[in-house]
């Protein structure tokens, strides 16, 4: 341990020296010489008063909603232009405000611990921790990992379990690279966008739909595994499995890694054993026959339940009204959806979407066959935009998904600060703009709203009053579009509507009445009198 500390101290001193050397570049040496001018060479001119532009907070422009992450730790002191103190910060689980910087000895010890941990694999350290927690120290006391950590713990005057708990916390903080874990493709697949690593809806799907092969399998040779089947087709649950004799054909032993690859391919792709054998021999450098792979598949069965997308819409119960979650949770279960306690769509009283995995779905909203999708359109009745499954010819119910925003511009408001103005004349019920921002949970909105209230400025838009863990709030403080500049008025000319688009809840602003060109846009914030006082909301009355 003394050797490790000595080497770590030398590295630490080199890092400090390198930082100080880089800082010297930005230090100006010597006095600054200012050129002196004679006053008589210049004219004195009185500059007329120029009205300053209103101030506003910086934000990142976006045309789509971005899924925001919860951060229950207060990592810095936010600026509040007020004499109030910070004693009301109670919504945070932990805070780093009182954390002191590390001393030189503490920094060297932390670096030394990282060096010690780097000598062992994460799996070995995890097994070591599990054995200690389970009280199986006799099984690990002679291992290299335990002996090393025991000497480190004795030097630092602590216990081995405390060191492993610190390693576990550091491990959890480190973000894993994409596509390195075993189930990364399934975990990062978005069933709404049909892409990997989606930043809009987040990684919430549990399963990727199975890709099915519609062509029947063909015998690769006279010794093909299909010769074992009387039906001539590959079906994992068919009599072909029972017809094969494990004593007549030698079953090779595969490594756990190769066996995992076999199970993963069979789970996500509808390969017959001939195609699967070619893939394994090519990628895993094996020499297997399709009969051997067939017996391996028989021995190690996987769940090969087939998934199908919705093609023909069916009727749904009339009590499934406008109640939707921001992030649609695709259902995944056998059997029908109606009155199924395992169906998340039935439990949440929502219609199934194309992203669901249910094979016998009877909870899909009937697709409309309107011509122009007016007020009588079934999709409009349930506050939904039409999908590609609808048979409407001249659809007008797809404004948000196609981003059909009306031309608008930002300018100084007639109330205060900036406001949003329309460039063209608008008719009643015309779609104007979508409210865009970060999609956060209600619990995170409560934490952020604490500081927004002290700043007397908030861009939180509540979508519903679901549980705290549900993403039901849009925050347009840091990420937003021009809709964040719309001001409040009781006599508003816009109305906010929540619309279901591809399984997700979106907020759109629609014209409440006919709006003239270059008229400022308003909508009713629906704030209570106490909220108006806290945020210093000014009322605007049309015609005043």
Protein backbone atom coordinates (compact mmCIF):
# COMPACT_ATOMS: atom_id res chain seq x y z
CA UNK A 1 0.00 0.00 0.00
CA UNK A 2 2.91 2.36 0.71
CA UNK A 3 4.19 1.81 -2.84
CA UNK A 4 0.80 2.59 -4.34
CA UNK A 5 0.49 5.75 -2.24
CA UNK A 6 3.96 6.89 -3.26
CA UNK A 7 3.25 6.43 -6.97
CA UNK A 8 -0.16 8.07 -6.61
CA UNK A 9 1.37 11.07 -4.84
CA UNK A 10 3.88 11.52 -7.67
CA UNK A 11 1.08 11.39 -10.25
CA UNK A 12 -0.99 13.85 -8.21
CA UNK A 13 1.93 16.32 -8.07
CA UNK A 14 2.41 16.01 -11.83
CA UNK A 15 -1.30 16.77 -12.39
CA UNK A 16 -1.12 19.87 -10.18
CA UNK A 17 2.07 21.05 -11.92
CA UNK A 18 0.42 20.58 -15.32
CA UNK A 19 -2.63 22.61 -14.26
CA UNK A 20 -0.48 25.44 -12.90
CA UNK A 21 1.59 25.49 -16.09
CA UNK A 22 -1.54 25.81 -18.23
CA UNK A 23 -2.81 28.62 -16.01
CA UNK A 24 0.34 30.65 -16.63
CA UNK A 25 -0.70 31.09 -20.25
CA UNK A 26 -3.74 33.10 -19.16
CA UNK A 27 -1.85 35.29 -16.68
CA UNK A 28 -0.80 38.65 -18.13
CA UNK A 29 2.59 39.72 -16.88
CA UNK A 30 3.70 43.34 -16.56
CA UNK A 31 1.69 46.56 -16.31
CA UNK A 32 -0.99 47.39 -18.86
CA UNK A 33 -0.15 50.51 -20.90
CA UNK A 34 -3.08 52.75 -21.76
CA UNK A 35 -2.71 55.24 -24.56
CA UNK A 36 -3.49 58.80 -23.48
CA UNK A 37 -5.62 61.02 -25.72
CA UNK A 38 -5.99 64.78 -25.79
CA UNK A 39 -9.51 65.92 -25.04
CA UNK A 40 -9.48 68.74 -27.60
CA UNK A 41 -9.25 66.30 -30.54
CA UNK A 42 -12.73 64.91 -29.91
CA UNK A 43 -16.23 66.36 -30.08
CA UNK A 44 -18.64 66.05 -27.22
CA UNK A 45 -21.99 64.65 -28.40
CA UNK A 46 -25.06 63.90 -26.30
CA UNK A 47 -26.34 60.43 -27.17
CA UNK A 48 -30.15 60.29 -27.25
CA UNK A 49 -31.90 57.96 -24.88
CA UNK A 50 -32.37 54.47 -26.31
CA UNK A 51 -35.07 52.28 -24.87
CA UNK A 52 -33.46 49.01 -23.73
CA UNK A 53 -34.81 45.73 -25.01
CA UNK A 54 -36.65 43.52 -22.50
CA UNK A 55 -34.54 40.89 -20.79
CA UNK A 56 -35.23 37.17 -21.00
CA UNK A 57 -33.61 33.94 -19.88
CA UNK A 58 -31.44 31.95 -22.26
CA UNK A 59 -32.87 28.68 -23.57
CA UNK A 60 -32.02 26.02 -26.13
CA UNK A 61 -34.41 25.96 -29.07
CA UNK A 62 -36.10 22.68 -29.95
CA UNK A 63 -38.99 21.63 -32.18
CA UNK A 64 -39.74 18.44 -30.23
CA UNK A 65 -40.14 17.44 -26.59
CA UNK A 66 -37.06 16.00 -24.88
CA UNK A 67 -37.27 13.46 -22.08
CA UNK A 68 -35.66 15.02 -18.99
CA UNK A 69 -33.95 13.11 -16.18
CA UNK A 70 -34.71 13.42 -12.48
CA UNK A 71 -31.97 14.95 -10.37
CA UNK A 72 -32.81 14.77 -6.65
CA UNK A 73 -29.40 16.18 -5.64
CA UNK A 74 -28.86 19.93 -5.37
CA UNK A 75 -25.38 20.41 -6.82
CA UNK A 76 -25.01 24.21 -6.71
CA UNK A 77 -26.57 27.30 -5.19
CA UNK A 78 -28.98 28.70 -7.81
CA UNK A 79 -29.10 32.47 -8.17
CA UNK A 80 -32.20 34.04 -6.64
CA UNK A 81 -32.55 37.79 -6.91
CA UNK A 82 -34.08 38.04 -3.49
CA UNK A 83 -33.09 38.55 0.13
CA UNK A 84 -34.75 35.27 1.12
CA UNK A 85 -32.54 32.49 2.41
CA UNK A 86 -32.31 28.90 1.22
CA UNK A 87 -33.79 27.25 4.30
CA UNK A 88 -36.89 26.13 2.38
CA UNK A 89 -34.95 23.64 0.24
CA UNK A 90 -36.66 20.47 1.45
CA UNK A 91 -37.56 18.60 -1.75
CA UNK A 92 -34.04 17.28 -2.33
CA UNK A 93 -32.86 13.92 -1.02
CA UNK A 94 -29.28 15.12 -0.68
CA UNK A 95 -27.33 18.30 -1.21
CA UNK A 96 -23.72 19.09 -2.04
CA UNK A 97 -23.94 22.66 -0.80
CA UNK A 98 -22.05 21.96 2.42
CA UNK A 99 -19.54 19.55 0.91
CA UNK A 100 -15.94 20.68 1.43
CA UNK A 101 -13.25 20.26 -1.21
CA UNK A 102 -10.85 17.36 -0.73
CA UNK A 103 -7.51 17.97 0.89
CA UNK A 104 -4.30 16.77 -0.72
CA UNK A 105 -4.12 13.62 1.42
CA UNK A 106 -7.79 12.78 0.76
CA UNK A 107 -7.36 13.26 -2.98
CA UNK A 108 -4.30 10.99 -2.99
CA UNK A 109 -6.21 8.32 -1.04
CA UNK A 110 -9.10 8.44 -3.53
CA UNK A 111 -6.73 8.08 -6.47
CA UNK A 112 -4.98 5.19 -4.74
CA UNK A 113 -8.30 3.42 -4.16
CA UNK A 114 -9.14 3.73 -7.87
CA UNK A 115 -5.79 2.16 -8.69
CA UNK A 116 -6.51 -0.74 -6.34
CA UNK A 117 -9.99 -1.29 -7.77
CA UNK A 118 -8.64 -1.18 -11.34
CA UNK A 119 -6.56 -4.28 -10.62
CA UNK A 120 -9.69 -6.43 -10.40
CA UNK A 121 -12.70 -6.91 -12.65
CA UNK A 122 -16.08 -5.48 -11.72
CA UNK A 123 -17.56 -8.98 -11.63
CA UNK A 124 -14.92 -10.14 -9.12
CA UNK A 125 -15.55 -7.16 -6.83
CA UNK A 126 -19.30 -7.69 -7.05
CA UNK A 127 -18.97 -11.39 -6.12
CA UNK A 128 -16.69 -10.39 -3.25
CA UNK A 129 -19.27 -7.97 -1.89
CA UNK A 130 -22.09 -10.51 -2.20
CA UNK A 131 -20.11 -13.13 -0.31
CA UNK A 132 -19.33 -10.69 2.51
CA UNK A 133 -22.98 -9.64 2.77
CA UNK A 134 -24.08 -13.31 2.80
CA UNK A 135 -21.53 -14.13 5.51
CA UNK A 136 -19.46 -16.44 3.29
CA UNK A 137 -16.09 -14.94 4.23
CA UNK A 138 -14.50 -18.40 4.61
CA UNK A 139 -14.92 -18.94 0.85
CA UNK A 140 -13.09 -15.74 -0.11
CA UNK A 141 -10.57 -15.13 2.65
CA UNK A 142 -7.75 -16.68 0.59
CA UNK A 143 -8.54 -14.85 -2.64
CA UNK A 144 -6.24 -12.16 -3.99
CA UNK A 145 -9.03 -9.58 -4.04
CA UNK A 146 -9.94 -10.02 -0.38
CA UNK A 147 -6.33 -10.06 0.85
CA UNK A 148 -5.51 -6.85 -1.07
CA UNK A 149 -8.61 -4.99 0.09
CA UNK A 150 -8.08 -6.17 3.66
CA UNK A 151 -4.61 -4.61 3.74
CA UNK A 152 -6.00 -1.38 2.20
CA UNK A 153 -8.82 -1.28 4.74
CA UNK A 154 -6.37 -1.76 7.61
CA UNK A 155 -4.23 1.11 6.30
CA UNK A 156 -7.23 3.43 5.94
CA UNK A 157 -8.67 2.27 9.28
CA UNK A 158 -11.96 1.06 7.84
CA UNK A 159 -13.66 -2.19 6.83
CA UNK A 160 -13.56 -4.07 3.52
CA UNK A 161 -17.32 -3.80 3.10
CA UNK A 162 -17.06 0.02 3.31
CA UNK A 163 -14.50 0.03 0.49
CA UNK A 164 -16.74 -2.18 -1.64
CA UNK A 165 -19.74 0.06 -0.95
CA UNK A 166 -17.70 3.04 -2.19
CA UNK A 167 -16.74 1.06 -5.31
CA UNK A 168 -20.41 0.23 -5.91
CA UNK A 169 -21.45 3.89 -5.63
CA UNK A 170 -18.75 4.94 -8.08
CA UNK A 171 -19.74 2.12 -10.42
CA UNK A 172 -23.39 3.20 -10.41
CA UNK A 173 -22.42 6.79 -11.23
CA UNK A 174 -20.46 5.76 -14.32
CA UNK A 175 -22.62 5.67 -17.41
CA UNK A 176 -22.29 2.41 -19.32
CA UNK A 177 -21.39 2.72 -23.00
CA UNK A 178 -24.25 2.02 -25.37
CA UNK A 179 -24.62 -1.52 -26.76
CA UNK A 180 -22.11 -3.16 -24.38
CA UNK A 181 -24.55 -4.87 -22.03
CA UNK A 182 -26.26 -8.11 -23.00
CA UNK A 183 -29.74 -6.69 -23.54
CA UNK A 184 -28.72 -3.29 -24.89
CA UNK A 185 -30.55 -3.57 -28.21
CA UNK A 186 -33.81 -4.48 -26.50
CA UNK A 187 -33.36 -1.91 -23.74
CA UNK A 188 -32.60 1.02 -26.07
CA UNK A 189 -35.24 0.31 -28.72
CA UNK A 190 -38.13 2.81 -28.85
CA UNK A 191 -41.38 1.29 -30.05
CA UNK A 192 -42.91 4.68 -30.82
CA UNK A 193 -40.14 6.08 -33.05
CA UNK A 194 -38.96 2.60 -34.14
CA UNK A 195 -35.33 3.66 -33.65
CA UNK A 196 -32.58 2.90 -31.15
CA UNK A 197 -31.47 5.26 -28.38
CA UNK A 198 -34.43 7.62 -28.68
CA UNK A 199 -34.04 10.94 -26.83
CA UNK A 200 -37.73 11.84 -26.99
CA UNK A 201 -39.55 8.98 -25.28
CA UNK A 202 -36.66 7.37 -23.37
CA UNK A 203 -35.81 3.68 -23.16
CA UNK A 204 -38.97 2.27 -21.66
CA UNK A 205 -39.83 -0.73 -23.82
CA UNK A 206 -38.98 -4.14 -22.46
CA UNK A 207 -39.07 -6.21 -25.60
CA UNK A 208 -38.38 -5.87 -29.30
CA UNK A 209 -40.89 -7.43 -31.73
CA UNK A 210 -39.80 -10.74 -33.14
CA UNK A 211 -38.86 -10.64 -36.82
CA UNK A 212 -40.71 -13.46 -38.53
CA UNK A 213 -39.66 -15.43 -41.57
CA UNK A 214 -42.62 -16.07 -43.86
CA UNK A 215 -40.80 -18.46 -46.23
CA UNK A 216 -40.91 -22.18 -45.31
CA UNK A 217 -37.54 -23.80 -44.53
CA UNK A 218 -35.79 -25.84 -47.21
CA UNK A 219 -33.60 -28.87 -46.56
CA UNK A 220 -29.96 -27.99 -46.86
CA UNK A 221 -28.87 -31.60 -47.54
CA UNK A 222 -29.93 -35.21 -47.09
CA UNK A 223 -28.57 -35.06 -43.54
CA UNK A 224 -30.57 -31.93 -42.69
CA UNK A 225 -32.38 -31.72 -39.39
CA UNK A 226 -35.66 -31.44 -41.31
CA UNK A 227 -35.33 -35.13 -42.07
CA UNK A 228 -36.13 -35.74 -38.43
CA UNK A 229 -39.52 -34.04 -38.80
CA UNK A 230 -42.57 -35.65 -40.36
CA UNK A 231 -44.15 -32.24 -41.02
CA UNK A 232 -41.17 -30.72 -42.84
CA UNK A 233 -41.36 -27.38 -41.01
CA UNK A 234 -39.37 -25.92 -38.14
CA UNK A 235 -41.53 -25.35 -35.13
CA UNK A 236 -39.89 -25.33 -31.69
CA UNK A 237 -43.01 -26.72 -30.01
CA UNK A 238 -43.88 -29.23 -32.79
CA UNK A 239 -43.40 -33.04 -32.69
CA UNK A 240 -40.06 -32.54 -34.48
CA UNK A 241 -38.44 -31.96 -31.10
CA UNK A 242 -39.87 -35.14 -29.69
CA UNK A 243 -38.93 -37.10 -32.84
CA UNK A 244 -35.25 -36.27 -32.53
CA UNK A 245 -33.19 -38.72 -30.52
CA UNK A 246 -30.48 -37.24 -28.36
CA UNK A 247 -28.67 -40.62 -28.26
CA UNK A 248 -28.34 -41.06 -32.02
CA UNK A 249 -26.62 -37.72 -32.64
CA UNK A 250 -23.71 -36.29 -30.70
CA UNK A 251 -24.57 -32.95 -29.08
CA UNK A 252 -21.45 -30.74 -28.84
CA UNK A 253 -20.76 -28.78 -25.69
CA UNK A 254 -20.95 -25.02 -26.20
CA UNK A 255 -19.45 -22.32 -24.04
CA UNK A 256 -21.82 -20.13 -22.06
CA UNK A 257 -21.11 -17.23 -24.43
CA UNK A 258 -21.92 -19.28 -27.57
CA UNK A 259 -25.03 -20.70 -25.94
CA UNK A 260 -26.18 -17.19 -25.02
CA UNK A 261 -25.76 -16.11 -28.66
CA UNK A 262 -27.86 -19.09 -29.80
CA UNK A 263 -30.66 -18.22 -27.39
CA UNK A 264 -30.54 -14.52 -28.27
CA UNK A 265 -30.76 -15.12 -32.02
CA UNK A 266 -33.60 -17.62 -31.63
CA UNK A 267 -35.47 -15.23 -29.36
CA UNK A 268 -35.40 -12.21 -31.68
CA UNK A 269 -35.23 -13.79 -35.13
CA UNK A 270 -37.26 -16.53 -36.78
CA UNK A 271 -34.26 -18.50 -38.05
CA UNK A 272 -34.50 -22.16 -38.90
CA UNK A 273 -31.64 -24.33 -37.75
CA UNK A 274 -29.92 -24.33 -41.16
CA UNK A 275 -29.63 -20.52 -41.22
CA UNK A 276 -28.79 -20.43 -37.54
CA UNK A 277 -25.95 -22.92 -38.09
CA UNK A 278 -24.43 -20.76 -40.83
CA UNK A 279 -24.55 -17.69 -38.58
CA UNK A 280 -22.96 -19.50 -35.63
CA UNK A 281 -20.19 -21.08 -37.71
CA UNK A 282 -19.36 -17.71 -39.26
CA UNK A 283 -19.50 -15.40 -36.23
CA UNK A 284 -18.41 -17.81 -33.47
CA UNK A 285 -15.87 -19.77 -35.55
CA UNK A 286 -17.61 -23.09 -34.84
CA UNK A 287 -18.07 -26.27 -36.88
CA UNK A 288 -21.60 -27.37 -36.14
CA UNK A 289 -24.20 -29.23 -38.16
CA UNK A 290 -27.83 -28.20 -38.31
CA UNK A 291 -28.76 -31.44 -36.50
CA UNK A 292 -26.48 -30.48 -33.60
CA UNK A 293 -27.97 -26.99 -33.43
CA UNK A 294 -31.43 -28.56 -33.55
CA UNK A 295 -30.66 -30.70 -30.49
CA UNK A 296 -29.10 -27.75 -28.68
CA UNK A 297 -32.27 -25.75 -29.35
CA UNK A 298 -34.32 -28.66 -28.03
CA UNK A 299 -32.27 -28.86 -24.86
CA UNK A 300 -32.22 -25.11 -24.17
CA UNK A 301 -35.67 -23.80 -24.98
CA UNK A 302 -36.51 -20.08 -25.06
CA UNK A 303 -39.77 -18.18 -25.14
CA UNK A 304 -40.62 -17.88 -28.83
CA UNK A 305 -44.05 -16.33 -28.50
CA UNK A 306 -44.86 -14.45 -31.66
CA UNK A 307 -45.82 -10.78 -31.70
CA UNK A 308 -47.92 -9.06 -34.30
CA UNK A 309 -48.77 -5.43 -34.91
CA UNK A 310 -52.30 -4.14 -35.16
CA UNK A 311 -53.64 -4.31 -38.67
CA UNK A 312 -57.41 -4.33 -38.37
CA UNK A 313 -58.85 -1.93 -35.82
CA UNK A 314 -61.51 -3.18 -33.44
CA UNK A 315 -64.04 -1.50 -31.23
CA UNK A 316 -63.15 -0.39 -27.72
CA UNK A 317 -65.26 0.26 -24.60
CA UNK A 318 -67.01 3.61 -24.49
CA UNK A 319 -65.62 4.40 -21.02
CA UNK A 320 -62.08 4.67 -22.43
CA UNK A 321 -62.08 8.42 -22.64
CA UNK A 322 -59.34 11.03 -22.68
CA UNK A 323 -57.03 9.66 -20.00
CA UNK A 324 -53.51 9.05 -21.27
CA UNK A 325 -50.01 8.81 -19.84
CA UNK A 326 -47.24 10.98 -21.28
CA UNK A 327 -45.02 7.98 -21.98
CA UNK A 328 -47.21 5.25 -23.40
CA UNK A 329 -46.48 1.91 -21.71
CA UNK A 330 -46.85 -0.77 -24.42
CA UNK A 331 -48.72 -3.81 -23.13
CA UNK A 332 -47.14 -7.24 -23.48
CA UNK A 333 -49.26 -10.26 -22.56
CA UNK A 334 -51.02 -13.28 -24.08
CA UNK A 335 -54.72 -13.23 -24.86
CA UNK A 336 -57.08 -10.32 -25.36
CA UNK A 337 -56.70 -6.88 -23.76
CA UNK A 338 -60.22 -6.14 -22.52
CA UNK A 339 -60.76 -7.07 -18.88
CA UNK A 340 -57.21 -8.41 -18.68
CA UNK A 341 -55.54 -7.55 -15.37
CA UNK A 342 -52.11 -8.03 -16.98
CA UNK A 343 -52.77 -5.46 -19.71
CA UNK A 344 -51.32 -2.05 -18.85
CA UNK A 345 -53.55 -0.36 -21.43
CA UNK A 346 -56.68 -1.83 -19.81
CA UNK A 347 -55.45 -0.88 -16.32
CA UNK A 348 -54.71 2.72 -17.38
CA UNK A 349 -57.92 2.86 -19.46
CA UNK A 350 -56.16 3.81 -22.68
CA UNK A 351 -56.35 2.42 -26.18
CA UNK A 352 -53.62 0.13 -27.46
CA UNK A 353 -51.14 1.63 -29.89
CA UNK A 354 -49.09 0.12 -32.69
CA UNK A 355 -46.17 -0.06 -30.25
CA UNK A 356 -47.97 -2.69 -28.12
CA UNK A 357 -46.96 -6.35 -28.31
CA UNK A 358 -50.36 -7.93 -27.67
CA UNK A 359 -51.13 -10.59 -30.29
CA UNK A 360 -54.91 -10.81 -29.83
CA UNK A 361 -55.71 -7.15 -29.27
CA UNK A 362 -59.32 -6.01 -29.02
CA UNK A 363 -58.64 -2.58 -27.50
CA UNK A 364 -57.67 -0.54 -30.55
CA UNK A 365 -59.61 2.59 -31.45
CA UNK A 366 -61.40 2.10 -34.76
CA UNK A 367 -59.59 4.03 -37.47
CA UNK A 368 -61.60 6.83 -39.01
CA UNK A 369 -62.70 6.94 -42.63
CA UNK A 370 -63.55 10.64 -42.79
CA UNK A 371 -62.89 12.90 -45.74
CA UNK A 372 -61.70 16.05 -43.96
CA UNK A 373 -61.73 14.88 -40.31
CA UNK A 374 -64.08 17.50 -38.93
CA UNK A 375 -65.71 17.66 -35.51
CA UNK A 376 -67.51 14.35 -36.08
CA UNK A 377 -64.23 12.48 -36.62
CA UNK A 378 -63.85 9.62 -34.06
CA UNK A 379 -60.18 10.53 -33.58
CA UNK A 380 -61.04 14.15 -32.69
CA UNK A 381 -63.73 12.87 -30.31
CA UNK A 382 -61.04 11.14 -28.23
CA UNK A 383 -58.57 14.06 -28.60
CA UNK A 384 -56.27 12.04 -30.84
CA UNK A 385 -54.57 12.84 -34.10
CA UNK A 386 -55.11 10.49 -37.01
CA UNK A 387 -52.57 7.74 -37.62
CA UNK A 388 -51.36 5.98 -40.73
CA UNK A 389 -54.04 3.35 -40.09
CA UNK A 390 -56.85 5.85 -40.73
CA UNK A 391 -58.59 5.83 -44.12
CA UNK A 392 -59.21 9.59 -44.31
CA UNK A 393 -58.49 11.06 -47.75
CA UNK A 394 -57.96 14.77 -46.98
CA UNK A 395 -56.91 14.61 -43.33
CA UNK A 396 -56.80 17.85 -41.34
CA UNK A 397 -56.22 16.16 -37.98
CA UNK A 398 -52.44 15.77 -38.13
CA UNK A 399 -51.12 19.27 -37.36
CA UNK A 400 -48.85 18.45 -34.41
CA UNK A 401 -47.25 15.30 -35.82
CA UNK A 402 -46.53 17.06 -39.12
CA UNK A 403 -45.46 20.31 -37.40
CA UNK A 404 -47.92 22.50 -39.31
CA UNK A 405 -47.24 25.57 -37.19
CA UNK A 406 -48.45 29.00 -38.30
CA UNK A 407 -45.83 31.74 -38.89
CA UNK A 408 -45.18 33.66 -35.67
CA UNK A 409 -42.50 36.01 -34.36
CA UNK A 410 -41.21 37.22 -30.99
CA UNK A 411 -41.30 40.94 -30.15
CA UNK A 412 -41.64 43.22 -27.08
CA UNK A 413 -45.00 42.57 -25.47
CA UNK A 414 -47.63 45.17 -24.72
CA UNK A 415 -47.73 43.79 -21.15
CA UNK A 416 -44.16 43.09 -20.08
CA UNK A 417 -41.08 41.45 -21.52
CA UNK A 418 -41.44 39.63 -24.80
CA UNK A 419 -44.56 38.17 -26.39
CA UNK A 420 -45.52 36.02 -29.36
CA UNK A 421 -47.24 37.61 -32.36
CA UNK A 422 -48.88 36.08 -35.39
CA UNK A 423 -47.70 36.93 -38.88
CA UNK A 424 -50.90 35.96 -40.73
CA UNK A 425 -54.59 36.15 -40.00
CA UNK A 426 -55.94 33.13 -38.15
CA UNK A 427 -59.39 31.58 -38.15
CA UNK A 428 -61.12 29.94 -35.24
CA UNK A 429 -59.80 26.44 -34.30
CA UNK A 430 -56.65 26.92 -36.40
CA UNK A 431 -53.59 25.18 -35.00
CA UNK A 432 -50.95 27.80 -34.11
CA UNK A 433 -47.99 26.22 -32.28
CA UNK A 434 -47.05 23.34 -29.98
CA UNK A 435 -45.77 23.86 -26.43
CA UNK A 436 -42.33 22.21 -26.39
CA UNK A 437 -39.91 21.55 -23.53
CA UNK A 438 -38.48 18.91 -21.23
CA UNK A 439 -40.81 16.08 -20.22
CA UNK A 440 -40.21 15.57 -16.48
CA UNK A 441 -41.92 13.77 -13.62
CA UNK A 442 -44.24 15.55 -11.24
CA UNK A 443 -41.74 14.98 -8.45
CA UNK A 444 -38.98 16.72 -10.41
CA UNK A 445 -41.41 19.51 -11.29
CA UNK A 446 -42.02 20.11 -7.58
CA UNK A 447 -38.28 20.46 -6.96
CA UNK A 448 -37.75 22.84 -9.88
CA UNK A 449 -40.92 24.79 -9.12
CA UNK A 450 -39.52 25.68 -5.69
CA UNK A 451 -36.84 27.87 -7.28
CA UNK A 452 -39.03 29.06 -10.14
CA UNK A 453 -41.46 30.47 -7.60
CA UNK A 454 -38.67 32.40 -5.85
CA UNK A 455 -37.51 33.75 -9.23
CA UNK A 456 -41.13 34.66 -9.97
CA UNK A 457 -40.86 32.97 -13.34
CA UNK A 458 -42.13 29.52 -14.33
CA UNK A 459 -42.55 27.65 -17.61
CA UNK A 460 -44.02 24.45 -16.12
CA UNK A 461 -47.05 23.07 -17.93
CA UNK A 462 -48.94 20.35 -16.00
CA UNK A 463 -50.46 17.69 -18.22
CA UNK A 464 -52.37 15.80 -15.52
CA UNK A 465 -52.36 14.93 -11.83
CA UNK A 466 -50.96 11.42 -12.00
CA UNK A 467 -48.44 9.88 -9.59
CA UNK A 468 -45.12 11.55 -8.87
CA UNK A 469 -43.16 9.01 -10.93
CA UNK A 470 -45.23 9.68 -14.06
CA UNK A 471 -43.81 12.06 -16.63
CA UNK A 472 -46.71 14.49 -16.73
CA UNK A 473 -45.08 17.96 -16.81
CA UNK A 474 -43.47 20.00 -19.58
CA UNK A 475 -40.70 22.38 -18.48
CA UNK A 476 -39.83 25.00 -21.10
CA UNK A 477 -37.23 26.81 -18.96
CA UNK A 478 -34.04 25.46 -20.57
CA UNK A 479 -35.35 23.67 -23.68
CA UNK A 480 -38.27 25.24 -25.53
CA UNK A 481 -39.63 26.85 -28.68
CA UNK A 482 -41.35 30.21 -29.29
CA UNK A 483 -44.46 29.09 -27.40
CA UNK A 484 -42.70 29.93 -24.10
CA UNK A 485 -43.19 33.65 -24.89
CA UNK A 486 -47.02 33.47 -24.91
CA UNK A 487 -48.32 35.69 -22.10
CA UNK A 488 -51.36 35.34 -19.86
CA UNK A 489 -54.76 36.94 -20.28
CA UNK A 490 -58.25 36.15 -19.04
CA UNK A 491 -59.59 37.20 -22.44
CA UNK A 492 -57.21 34.90 -24.29
CA UNK A 493 -57.27 34.40 -28.04
CA UNK A 494 -55.65 30.95 -27.78
CA UNK A 495 -56.73 27.78 -26.06
CA UNK A 496 -54.41 24.96 -25.00
CA UNK A 497 -55.47 21.41 -25.87
CA UNK A 498 -53.87 18.12 -24.89
CA UNK A 499 -53.77 15.77 -27.87
CA UNK A 500 -52.71 12.12 -28.14
CA UNK A 501 -50.09 11.65 -30.86
CA UNK A 502 -48.54 8.19 -31.46
CA UNK A 503 -49.20 7.15 -27.89
CA UNK A 504 -47.78 10.32 -26.33
CA UNK A 505 -49.47 13.37 -24.91
CA UNK A 506 -48.69 16.66 -26.68
CA UNK A 507 -49.89 20.21 -25.99
CA UNK A 508 -51.04 22.40 -28.86
CA UNK A 509 -52.33 25.98 -28.97
CA UNK A 510 -55.39 26.61 -31.14
CA UNK A 511 -57.10 29.86 -32.09
CA UNK A 512 -60.05 30.55 -29.80
CA UNK A 513 -61.42 33.17 -32.16
CA UNK A 514 -60.45 34.98 -35.33
CA UNK A 515 -57.05 36.65 -34.83
CA UNK A 516 -55.79 39.63 -36.79
CA UNK A 517 -52.36 39.93 -38.36
CA UNK A 518 -49.58 41.12 -36.00
CA UNK A 519 -51.84 40.58 -32.97
CA UNK A 520 -50.22 39.34 -29.79
CA UNK A 521 -51.15 35.82 -28.69
CA UNK A 522 -52.45 35.06 -25.17
CA UNK A 523 -53.81 32.08 -23.30
CA UNK A 524 -55.23 31.66 -19.82
CA UNK A 525 -52.67 30.23 -17.39
CA UNK A 526 -55.53 29.25 -15.03
CA UNK A 527 -53.49 30.44 -12.06
CA UNK A 528 -55.14 30.96 -8.72
CA UNK A 529 -54.99 34.37 -7.04
CA UNK A 530 -52.15 33.23 -4.76
CA UNK A 531 -50.12 31.97 -7.72
CA UNK A 532 -50.67 35.22 -9.62
CA UNK A 533 -49.36 37.11 -6.62
CA UNK A 534 -46.29 34.88 -6.25
CA UNK A 535 -45.38 35.11 -9.95
CA UNK A 536 -46.45 38.77 -10.26
CA UNK A 537 -48.76 37.98 -13.19
CA UNK A 538 -50.17 41.09 -14.87
CA UNK A 539 -53.67 40.91 -16.31
CA UNK A 540 -54.31 42.11 -19.86
CA UNK A 541 -57.83 43.05 -20.89
CA UNK A 542 -58.49 43.33 -24.61
CA UNK A 543 -59.50 46.83 -25.61
CA UNK A 544 -57.82 48.40 -22.55
